PDB file of all heavy atoms in Angstrom:
ATOM      1  N   PRO A   1       1.992   7.425  -6.533  1.00  0.00           N
ATOM      2  CA  PRO A   1       1.447   6.435  -5.562  1.00  0.00           C
ATOM      3  C   PRO A   1       0.039   6.206  -5.655  1.00  0.00           C
ATOM      4  O   PRO A   1      -0.480   5.089  -5.591  1.00  0.00           O
ATOM      5  CB  PRO A   1       1.836   7.139  -4.177  1.00  0.00           C
ATOM      6  CG  PRO A   1       2.933   8.006  -4.488  1.00  0.00           C
ATOM      7  CD  PRO A   1       2.804   8.493  -5.863  1.00  0.00           C
ATOM      8  N   ILE A   2      -0.794   7.283  -5.891  1.00  0.00           N
ATOM      9  CA  ILE A   2      -2.244   7.081  -5.942  1.00  0.00           C
ATOM     10  C   ILE A   2      -2.665   6.287  -7.167  1.00  0.00           C
ATOM     11  O   ILE A   2      -3.652   5.541  -7.113  1.00  0.00           O
ATOM     12  CB  ILE A   2      -2.990   8.435  -5.849  1.00  0.00           C
ATOM     13  CG1 ILE A   2      -4.464   8.197  -5.458  1.00  0.00           C
ATOM     14  CG2 ILE A   2      -2.952   9.172  -7.167  1.00  0.00           C
ATOM     15  CD1 ILE A   2      -5.165   9.462  -5.002  1.00  0.00           C
ATOM     16  N   ASP A   3      -1.879   6.368  -8.235  1.00  0.00           N
ATOM     17  CA  ASP A   3      -2.174   5.624  -9.438  1.00  0.00           C
ATOM     18  C   ASP A   3      -1.746   4.144  -9.295  1.00  0.00           C
ATOM     19  O   ASP A   3      -2.361   3.275  -9.883  1.00  0.00           O
ATOM     20  CB  ASP A   3      -1.399   6.190 -10.596  1.00  0.00           C
ATOM     21  CG  ASP A   3      -1.838   7.656 -10.891  1.00  0.00           C
ATOM     22  OD1 ASP A   3      -2.834   7.855 -11.584  1.00  0.00           O
ATOM     23  OD2 ASP A   3      -1.128   8.551 -10.394  1.00  0.00           O
ATOM     24  N   ILE A   4      -0.683   3.911  -8.490  1.00  0.00           N
ATOM     25  CA  ILE A   4      -0.139   2.533  -8.356  1.00  0.00           C
ATOM     26  C   ILE A   4      -0.787   1.803  -7.230  1.00  0.00           C
ATOM     27  O   ILE A   4      -1.198   0.608  -7.396  1.00  0.00           O
ATOM     28  CB  ILE A   4       1.380   2.638  -8.181  1.00  0.00           C
ATOM     29  CG1 ILE A   4       2.042   3.332  -9.404  1.00  0.00           C
ATOM     30  CG2 ILE A   4       2.012   1.234  -8.103  1.00  0.00           C
ATOM     31  CD1 ILE A   4       3.490   3.682  -9.179  1.00  0.00           C
ATOM     32  N   VAL A   5      -0.919   2.385  -6.054  1.00  0.00           N
ATOM     33  CA  VAL A   5      -1.406   1.684  -4.874  1.00  0.00           C
ATOM     34  C   VAL A   5      -2.609   2.384  -4.265  1.00  0.00           C
ATOM     35  O   VAL A   5      -3.008   2.096  -3.123  1.00  0.00           O
ATOM     36  CB  VAL A   5      -0.364   1.411  -3.844  1.00  0.00           C
ATOM     37  CG1 VAL A   5       0.727   0.429  -4.380  1.00  0.00           C
ATOM     38  CG2 VAL A   5       0.302   2.747  -3.347  1.00  0.00           C
ATOM     39  N   GLY A   6      -3.246   3.318  -4.956  1.00  0.00           N
ATOM     40  CA  GLY A   6      -4.328   4.098  -4.382  1.00  0.00           C
ATOM     41  C   GLY A   6      -5.516   3.225  -4.174  1.00  0.00           C
ATOM     42  O   GLY A   6      -6.425   3.614  -3.397  1.00  0.00           O
ATOM     43  N   ASP A   7      -5.555   2.005  -4.750  1.00  0.00           N
ATOM     44  CA  ASP A   7      -6.709   1.124  -4.476  1.00  0.00           C
ATOM     45  C   ASP A   7      -6.588   0.273  -3.202  1.00  0.00           C
ATOM     46  O   ASP A   7      -7.406  -0.573  -2.872  1.00  0.00           O
ATOM     47  CB  ASP A   7      -6.933   0.112  -5.714  1.00  0.00           C
ATOM     48  CG  ASP A   7      -5.710  -0.717  -5.921  1.00  0.00           C
ATOM     49  OD1 ASP A   7      -4.701  -0.567  -5.227  1.00  0.00           O
ATOM     50  OD2 ASP A   7      -5.736  -1.540  -6.901  1.00  0.00           O
ATOM     51  N   GLY A   8      -5.458   0.481  -2.471  1.00  0.00           N
ATOM     52  CA  GLY A   8      -5.174  -0.168  -1.226  1.00  0.00           C
ATOM     53  C   GLY A   8      -4.570  -1.497  -1.418  1.00  0.00           C
ATOM     54  O   GLY A   8      -4.239  -2.197  -0.408  1.00  0.00           O
ATOM     55  N   LYS A   9      -4.304  -1.939  -2.622  1.00  0.00           N
ATOM     56  CA  LYS A   9      -3.699  -3.230  -2.894  1.00  0.00           C
ATOM     57  C   LYS A   9      -2.167  -3.061  -3.054  1.00  0.00           C
ATOM     58  O   LYS A   9      -1.754  -2.305  -3.993  1.00  0.00           O
ATOM     59  CB  LYS A   9      -4.310  -3.901  -4.100  1.00  0.00           C
ATOM     60  CG  LYS A   9      -5.769  -4.247  -3.983  1.00  0.00           C
ATOM     61  CD  LYS A   9      -6.290  -4.984  -5.187  1.00  0.00           C
ATOM     62  CE  LYS A   9      -7.822  -5.253  -5.097  1.00  0.00           C
ATOM     63  NZ  LYS A   9      -8.104  -6.067  -3.908  1.00  0.00           N
ATOM     64  N   GLY A  10      -1.393  -3.615  -2.197  1.00  0.00           N
ATOM     65  CA  GLY A  10       0.107  -3.516  -2.278  1.00  0.00           C
ATOM     66  C   GLY A  10       0.619  -2.329  -1.509  1.00  0.00           C
ATOM     67  O   GLY A  10       1.817  -2.152  -1.335  1.00  0.00           O
ATOM     68  N   GLY A  11      -0.265  -1.424  -1.020  1.00  0.00           N
ATOM     69  CA  GLY A  11       0.224  -0.335  -0.293  1.00  0.00           C
ATOM     70  C   GLY A  11      -0.906   0.527   0.361  1.00  0.00           C
ATOM     71  O   GLY A  11      -2.068   0.143   0.227  1.00  0.00           O
ATOM     72  N   ALA A  12      -0.501   1.539   1.045  1.00  0.00           N
ATOM     73  CA  ALA A  12      -1.453   2.435   1.666  1.00  0.00           C
ATOM     74  C   ALA A  12      -1.080   3.877   1.438  1.00  0.00           C
ATOM     75  O   ALA A  12       0.079   4.246   1.503  1.00  0.00           O
ATOM     76  CB  ALA A  12      -1.497   2.139   3.243  1.00  0.00           C
ATOM     77  N   VAL A  13      -2.084   4.704   1.103  1.00  0.00           N
ATOM     78  CA  VAL A  13      -1.816   6.128   0.868  1.00  0.00           C
ATOM     79  C   VAL A  13      -2.664   6.904   1.844  1.00  0.00           C
ATOM     80  O   VAL A  13      -3.842   6.583   2.159  1.00  0.00           O
ATOM     81  CB  VAL A  13      -2.103   6.606  -0.521  1.00  0.00           C
ATOM     82  CG1 VAL A  13      -1.149   5.882  -1.518  1.00  0.00           C
ATOM     83  CG2 VAL A  13      -3.519   6.288  -0.922  1.00  0.00           C
ATOM     84  N   SER A  14      -2.140   7.998   2.395  1.00  0.00           N
ATOM     85  CA  SER A  14      -2.831   8.831   3.349  1.00  0.00           C
ATOM     86  C   SER A  14      -2.131  10.165   3.466  1.00  0.00           C
ATOM     87  O   SER A  14      -0.836  10.208   3.342  1.00  0.00           O
ATOM     88  CB  SER A  14      -2.921   8.141   4.687  1.00  0.00           C
ATOM     89  OG  SER A  14      -3.527   8.988   5.656  1.00  0.00           O
ATOM     90  N   GLU A  15      -2.888  11.204   3.787  1.00  0.00           N
ATOM     91  CA  GLU A  15      -2.229  12.491   4.094  1.00  0.00           C
ATOM     92  C   GLU A  15      -1.480  12.399   5.414  1.00  0.00           C
ATOM     93  O   GLU A  15      -0.626  13.229   5.694  1.00  0.00           O
ATOM     94  CB  GLU A  15      -3.258  13.620   4.137  1.00  0.00           C
ATOM     95  CG  GLU A  15      -3.678  14.074   2.753  1.00  0.00           C
ATOM     96  CD  GLU A  15      -2.588  14.710   1.950  1.00  0.00           C
ATOM     97  OE1 GLU A  15      -1.561  15.139   2.557  1.00  0.00           O
ATOM     98  OE2 GLU A  15      -2.696  14.769   0.714  1.00  0.00           O
ATOM     99  N   ASP A  16      -1.826  11.424   6.258  1.00  0.00           N
ATOM    100  CA  ASP A  16      -1.033  11.086   7.459  1.00  0.00           C
ATOM    101  C   ASP A  16      -0.057   9.951   7.116  1.00  0.00           C
ATOM    102  O   ASP A  16      -0.420   8.818   7.065  1.00  0.00           O
ATOM    103  CB  ASP A  16      -2.045  10.624   8.563  1.00  0.00           C
ATOM    104  CG  ASP A  16      -1.324  10.403   9.874  1.00  0.00           C
ATOM    105  OD1 ASP A  16      -0.132  10.169   9.894  1.00  0.00           O
ATOM    106  OD2 ASP A  16      -2.008  10.430  10.916  1.00  0.00           O
ATOM    107  N   LEU A  17       1.156  10.338   6.825  1.00  0.00           N
ATOM    108  CA  LEU A  17       2.138   9.390   6.298  1.00  0.00           C
ATOM    109  C   LEU A  17       2.494   8.347   7.338  1.00  0.00           C
ATOM    110  O   LEU A  17       2.710   7.193   7.058  1.00  0.00           O
ATOM    111  CB  LEU A  17       3.391  10.127   5.809  1.00  0.00           C
ATOM    112  CG  LEU A  17       4.410   9.245   5.071  1.00  0.00           C
ATOM    113  CD1 LEU A  17       3.826   8.699   3.808  1.00  0.00           C
ATOM    114  CD2 LEU A  17       5.660  10.096   4.682  1.00  0.00           C
ATOM    115  N   ARG A  18       2.456   8.721   8.584  1.00  0.00           N
ATOM    116  CA  ARG A  18       2.642   7.712   9.665  1.00  0.00           C
ATOM    117  C   ARG A  18       1.598   6.641   9.667  1.00  0.00           C
ATOM    118  O   ARG A  18       1.843   5.485   9.758  1.00  0.00           O
ATOM    119  CB  ARG A  18       2.722   8.403  10.995  1.00  0.00           C
ATOM    120  CG  ARG A  18       2.936   7.447  12.179  1.00  0.00           C
ATOM    121  CD  ARG A  18       3.008   8.143  13.537  1.00  0.00           C
ATOM    122  NE  ARG A  18       3.226   7.271  14.563  1.00  0.00           N
ATOM    123  CZ  ARG A  18       2.227   6.665  15.303  1.00  0.00           C
ATOM    124  NH1 ARG A  18       0.935   6.821  14.933  1.00  0.00           N
ATOM    125  NH2 ARG A  18       2.576   5.794  16.285  1.00  0.00           N
ATOM    126  N   GLN A  19       0.356   7.086   9.508  1.00  0.00           N
ATOM    127  CA  GLN A  19      -0.796   6.129   9.477  1.00  0.00           C
ATOM    128  C   GLN A  19      -0.596   5.226   8.264  1.00  0.00           C
ATOM    129  O   GLN A  19      -0.824   3.995   8.383  1.00  0.00           O
ATOM    130  CB  GLN A  19      -2.114   6.940   9.331  1.00  0.00           C
ATOM    131  CG  GLN A  19      -3.289   6.036   9.310  1.00  0.00           C
ATOM    132  CD  GLN A  19      -4.548   6.872   9.130  1.00  0.00           C
ATOM    133  OE1 GLN A  19      -4.799   7.500   8.070  1.00  0.00           O
ATOM    134  NE2 GLN A  19      -5.435   6.921  10.213  1.00  0.00           N
ATOM    135  N   ALA A  20      -0.152   5.742   7.156  1.00  0.00           N
ATOM    136  CA  ALA A  20       0.015   4.905   5.948  1.00  0.00           C
ATOM    137  C   ALA A  20       1.115   3.876   6.182  1.00  0.00           C
ATOM    138  O   ALA A  20       1.029   2.763   5.788  1.00  0.00           O
ATOM    139  CB  ALA A  20       0.316   5.785   4.737  1.00  0.00           C
ATOM    140  N   ALA A  21       2.165   4.361   6.798  1.00  0.00           N
ATOM    141  CA  ALA A  21       3.339   3.458   7.076  1.00  0.00           C
ATOM    142  C   ALA A  21       3.015   2.350   7.988  1.00  0.00           C
ATOM    143  O   ALA A  21       3.369   1.152   7.751  1.00  0.00           O
ATOM    144  CB  ALA A  21       4.512   4.264   7.652  1.00  0.00           C
ATOM    145  N   LEU A  22       2.250   2.632   9.051  1.00  0.00           N
ATOM    146  CA  LEU A  22       1.791   1.575  10.003  1.00  0.00           C
ATOM    147  C   LEU A  22       0.811   0.687   9.342  1.00  0.00           C
ATOM    148  O   LEU A  22       0.859  -0.599   9.539  1.00  0.00           O
ATOM    149  CB  LEU A  22       1.250   2.249  11.213  1.00  0.00           C
ATOM    150  CG  LEU A  22       2.226   3.005  12.062  1.00  0.00           C
ATOM    151  CD1 LEU A  22       1.581   3.748  13.260  1.00  0.00           C
ATOM    152  CD2 LEU A  22       3.418   2.136  12.564  1.00  0.00           C
ATOM    153  N   ALA A  23      -0.083   1.170   8.508  1.00  0.00           N
ATOM    154  CA  ALA A  23      -1.081   0.323   7.841  1.00  0.00           C
ATOM    155  C   ALA A  23      -0.364  -0.614   6.852  1.00  0.00           C
ATOM    156  O   ALA A  23      -0.725  -1.728   6.670  1.00  0.00           O
ATOM    157  CB  ALA A  23      -2.072   1.217   7.082  1.00  0.00           C
ATOM    158  N   ALA A  24       0.700  -0.100   6.183  1.00  0.00           N
ATOM    159  CA  ALA A  24       1.408  -0.948   5.204  1.00  0.00           C
ATOM    160  C   ALA A  24       2.088  -2.201   5.889  1.00  0.00           C
ATOM    161  O   ALA A  24       2.278  -3.178   5.173  1.00  0.00           O
ATOM    162  CB  ALA A  24       2.427  -0.123   4.471  1.00  0.00           C
ATOM    163  N   LEU A  25       2.342  -2.133   7.139  1.00  0.00           N
ATOM    164  CA  LEU A  25       2.946  -3.266   7.865  1.00  0.00           C
ATOM    165  C   LEU A  25       2.058  -4.454   7.814  1.00  0.00           C
ATOM    166  O   LEU A  25       2.544  -5.598   7.927  1.00  0.00           O
ATOM    167  CB  LEU A  25       3.230  -2.904   9.350  1.00  0.00           C
ATOM    168  CG  LEU A  25       4.427  -2.079   9.670  1.00  0.00           C
ATOM    169  CD1 LEU A  25       4.433  -1.633  11.138  1.00  0.00           C
ATOM    170  CD2 LEU A  25       5.733  -2.836   9.348  1.00  0.00           C
ATOM    171  N   HIS A  26       0.745  -4.275   7.652  1.00  0.00           N
ATOM    172  CA  HIS A  26      -0.168  -5.359   7.651  1.00  0.00           C
ATOM    173  C   HIS A  26      -0.676  -5.814   6.324  1.00  0.00           C
ATOM    174  O   HIS A  26      -1.617  -6.590   6.166  1.00  0.00           O
ATOM    175  CB  HIS A  26      -1.432  -4.923   8.516  1.00  0.00           C
ATOM    176  CG  HIS A  26      -1.036  -4.512   9.924  1.00  0.00           C
ATOM    177  ND1 HIS A  26      -0.558  -5.487  10.880  1.00  0.00           N
ATOM    178  CD2 HIS A  26      -0.920  -3.277  10.470  1.00  0.00           C
ATOM    179  CE1 HIS A  26      -0.289  -4.721  11.935  1.00  0.00           C
ATOM    180  NE2 HIS A  26      -0.502  -3.457  11.764  1.00  0.00           N
ATOM    181  N   ILE A  27      -0.081  -5.271   5.230  1.00  0.00           N
ATOM    182  CA  ILE A  27      -0.506  -5.646   3.862  1.00  0.00           C
ATOM    183  C   ILE A  27       0.281  -6.871   3.453  1.00  0.00           C
ATOM    184  O   ILE A  27       1.425  -7.089   3.726  1.00  0.00           O
ATOM    185  CB  ILE A  27      -0.185  -4.468   2.920  1.00  0.00           C
ATOM    186  CG1 ILE A  27      -1.155  -3.316   3.198  1.00  0.00           C
ATOM    187  CG2 ILE A  27      -0.259  -4.910   1.442  1.00  0.00           C
ATOM    188  CD1 ILE A  27      -0.939  -2.097   2.367  1.00  0.00           C
ATOM    189  N   ASP A  28      -0.454  -7.769   2.802  1.00  0.00           N
ATOM    190  CA  ASP A  28       0.084  -9.016   2.314  1.00  0.00           C
ATOM    191  C   ASP A  28       1.196  -8.798   1.295  1.00  0.00           C
ATOM    192  O   ASP A  28       1.018  -8.134   0.301  1.00  0.00           O
ATOM    193  CB  ASP A  28      -1.075  -9.853   1.688  1.00  0.00           C
ATOM    194  CG  ASP A  28      -0.600 -11.255   1.238  1.00  0.00           C
ATOM    195  OD1 ASP A  28       0.591 -11.510   1.312  1.00  0.00           O
ATOM    196  OD2 ASP A  28      -1.512 -11.995   0.783  1.00  0.00           O
ATOM    197  N   ARG A  29       2.375  -9.276   1.590  1.00  0.00           N
ATOM    198  CA  ARG A  29       3.475  -9.044   0.660  1.00  0.00           C
ATOM    199  C   ARG A  29       3.277  -9.757  -0.697  1.00  0.00           C
ATOM    200  O   ARG A  29       3.807  -9.232  -1.731  1.00  0.00           O
ATOM    201  CB  ARG A  29       4.832  -9.640   1.363  1.00  0.00           C
ATOM    202  CG  ARG A  29       5.191  -8.825   2.605  1.00  0.00           C
ATOM    203  CD  ARG A  29       6.486  -9.388   3.211  1.00  0.00           C
ATOM    204  NE  ARG A  29       7.658  -9.109   2.418  1.00  0.00           N
ATOM    205  CZ  ARG A  29       8.348  -7.980   2.481  1.00  0.00           C
ATOM    206  NH1 ARG A  29       7.990  -7.002   3.354  1.00  0.00           N
ATOM    207  NH2 ARG A  29       9.407  -7.821   1.673  1.00  0.00           N
ATOM    208  N   ALA A  30       2.520 -10.837  -0.736  1.00  0.00           N
ATOM    209  CA  ALA A  30       2.212 -11.438  -2.034  1.00  0.00           C
ATOM    210  C   ALA A  30       1.365 -10.506  -2.904  1.00  0.00           C
ATOM    211  O   ALA A  30       1.460 -10.505  -4.112  1.00  0.00           O
ATOM    212  CB  ALA A  30       1.526 -12.736  -1.808  1.00  0.00           C
ATOM    213  N   GLU A  31       0.524  -9.739  -2.202  1.00  0.00           N
ATOM    214  CA  GLU A  31      -0.352  -8.767  -2.881  1.00  0.00           C
ATOM    215  C   GLU A  31       0.525  -7.682  -3.534  1.00  0.00           C
ATOM    216  O   GLU A  31       0.255  -7.177  -4.608  1.00  0.00           O
ATOM    217  CB  GLU A  31      -1.331  -8.212  -1.892  1.00  0.00           C
ATOM    218  CG  GLU A  31      -2.404  -7.286  -2.429  1.00  0.00           C
ATOM    219  CD  GLU A  31      -3.351  -6.700  -1.361  1.00  0.00           C
ATOM    220  OE1 GLU A  31      -4.305  -7.442  -1.106  1.00  0.00           O
ATOM    221  OE2 GLU A  31      -3.063  -5.649  -0.778  1.00  0.00           O
ATOM    222  N   ALA A  32       1.592  -7.245  -2.812  1.00  0.00           N
ATOM    223  CA  ALA A  32       2.476  -6.245  -3.306  1.00  0.00           C
ATOM    224  C   ALA A  32       3.170  -6.777  -4.588  1.00  0.00           C
ATOM    225  O   ALA A  32       3.302  -6.019  -5.609  1.00  0.00           O
ATOM    226  CB  ALA A  32       3.517  -5.833  -2.287  1.00  0.00           C
ATOM    227  N   ARG A  33       3.630  -8.027  -4.530  1.00  0.00           N
ATOM    228  CA  ARG A  33       4.291  -8.583  -5.687  1.00  0.00           C
ATOM    229  C   ARG A  33       3.345  -8.694  -6.878  1.00  0.00           C
ATOM    230  O   ARG A  33       3.728  -8.361  -8.025  1.00  0.00           O
ATOM    231  CB  ARG A  33       4.792  -9.983  -5.296  1.00  0.00           C
ATOM    232  CG  ARG A  33       5.295 -10.829  -6.466  1.00  0.00           C
ATOM    233  CD  ARG A  33       6.631 -10.376  -6.981  1.00  0.00           C
ATOM    234  NE  ARG A  33       7.185 -11.352  -7.958  1.00  0.00           N
ATOM    235  CZ  ARG A  33       8.263 -11.155  -8.625  1.00  0.00           C
ATOM    236  NH1 ARG A  33       9.096 -10.106  -8.363  1.00  0.00           N
ATOM    237  NH2 ARG A  33       8.671 -12.044  -9.535  1.00  0.00           N
ATOM    238  N   ALA A  34       2.094  -9.064  -6.614  1.00  0.00           N
ATOM    239  CA  ALA A  34       1.091  -9.219  -7.714  1.00  0.00           C
ATOM    240  C   ALA A  34       0.877  -7.835  -8.348  1.00  0.00           C
ATOM    241  O   ALA A  34       0.681  -7.758  -9.631  1.00  0.00           O
ATOM    242  CB  ALA A  34      -0.163  -9.771  -7.175  1.00  0.00           C
ATOM    243  N   LYS A  35       0.870  -6.795  -7.596  1.00  0.00           N
ATOM    244  CA  LYS A  35       0.621  -5.475  -8.204  1.00  0.00           C
ATOM    245  C   LYS A  35       1.785  -5.119  -9.169  1.00  0.00           C
ATOM    246  O   LYS A  35       1.469  -4.567 -10.246  1.00  0.00           O
ATOM    247  CB  LYS A  35       0.495  -4.428  -7.048  1.00  0.00           C
ATOM    248  CG  LYS A  35       0.331  -2.980  -7.505  1.00  0.00           C
ATOM    249  CD  LYS A  35      -0.840  -2.770  -8.359  1.00  0.00           C
ATOM    250  CE  LYS A  35      -2.197  -2.750  -7.557  1.00  0.00           C
ATOM    251  NZ  LYS A  35      -2.404  -1.644  -6.617  1.00  0.00           N
ATOM    252  N   ALA A  36       2.976  -5.373  -8.750  1.00  0.00           N
ATOM    253  CA  ALA A  36       4.201  -4.997  -9.608  1.00  0.00           C
ATOM    254  C   ALA A  36       4.138  -5.739 -10.879  1.00  0.00           C
ATOM    255  O   ALA A  36       4.649  -5.272 -11.960  1.00  0.00           O
ATOM    256  CB  ALA A  36       5.474  -5.340  -8.881  1.00  0.00           C
ATOM    257  N   GLN A  37       3.606  -6.997 -10.937  1.00  0.00           N
ATOM    258  CA  GLN A  37       3.629  -7.792 -12.147  1.00  0.00           C
ATOM    259  C   GLN A  37       2.731  -7.242 -13.287  1.00  0.00           C
ATOM    260  O   GLN A  37       2.728  -7.710 -14.369  1.00  0.00           O
ATOM    261  CB  GLN A  37       3.205  -9.215 -11.824  1.00  0.00           C
ATOM    262  CG  GLN A  37       4.396  -9.914 -11.060  1.00  0.00           C
ATOM    263  CD  GLN A  37       3.959 -11.284 -10.573  1.00  0.00           C
ATOM    264  OE1 GLN A  37       2.859 -11.531 -10.082  1.00  0.00           O
ATOM    265  NE2 GLN A  37       4.912 -12.208 -10.626  1.00  0.00           N
TER     266      GLN A  37
END
C-alpha cells in the first residue's frame, strides 16, 4: 500500500485504519483510476 498509494493519490494510508477508510471516502475516484493506469 505505501508503495502504491502512499503519496495520498488514489488512497489513504494510516496506522489508524478507520481514519484511512473515512479519508478514502473523499478521494476522487478518477484519481484512483489514473493511479492504476
